[in-house]
Amino acid sequence: MSDLATTVYIVDDDLPVLRALVRLVTAHGYHATGFSDACTFLDARAADAGPACVVLDLQMPGMDGIGLQRELDGALPIIFITGHADVPSAILALRAGAADFLLKPILEAALLASLDRACRCAVARHREHAEMAGLRERLDRLTPREREVMAWVVTGRLNKQVASELGTVEKTIKAHRASVMRKLEVGSLPELVRLADKVGLPPVAAAPPAHRAGAGGWSLSGGA
């Protein structure tokens, strides 16, 4: 089991099976919640409730397991369970990212091993999402001009080169750069570059040559 508490949602319209799975999963230290249909699960699930995975019956009335998988769109690791050896559905589910596909009656050891993998995956996703949320919160501290300066700085250009690109002076870029580093809580250019890469900072578009030449005389157009 992972070191961060993970909720196991169990969705199965067969009530005796549902109750048995909830008891089994709970007995092994997981927090398990059962639902008898996909729509009830969707209505009750809190998207930001922490790491979670789903043990999901393939064939259910109304929205079936594949339909629920589409609705979740990769948000949670899914372990499919079914009483029928439906190979095409299994292939479809696995290609869509299912963590595992188990046949009923389910062997306890197989389910627990699959749960362990799915919960570790859920914890890793949760931490990644939390990290990204923190990075975006820090990025939101930047002014539009600071974002622009950051986009140029991570290309490796010197302050005077960035100043020329943006039509200002080196002293101003130096001040913006220091503010960017402080607000983003990074201590070096490599850290800033890694942060920009994680958040998918779009590449900069170079200013027209006339614009660049107007600031400090440094230019990429004409002459050395």
Foldseek 3Di string as FASTA:
>chain_A
DDPDAEEEEEEALPVVVQVVVCVLVVVVPHHYDYHNHLVVCVVPDDLLPAFYAYEAEQDDPDQGPVNSLVVCQPSAAYEYEYQDPPPVVQVVCVVSPHQYYYYPVGDSVVVVVSVVVRRVVRNVVRVLVVVLVVQVVLVVVADPVLLLLLLVVLVVDQLQQSCLQVQHHSVVSVVSPVVSCVSSVHDDSVVSNVSCVSNVPDHDDGDPQVSSCNHPNDGPDDDD
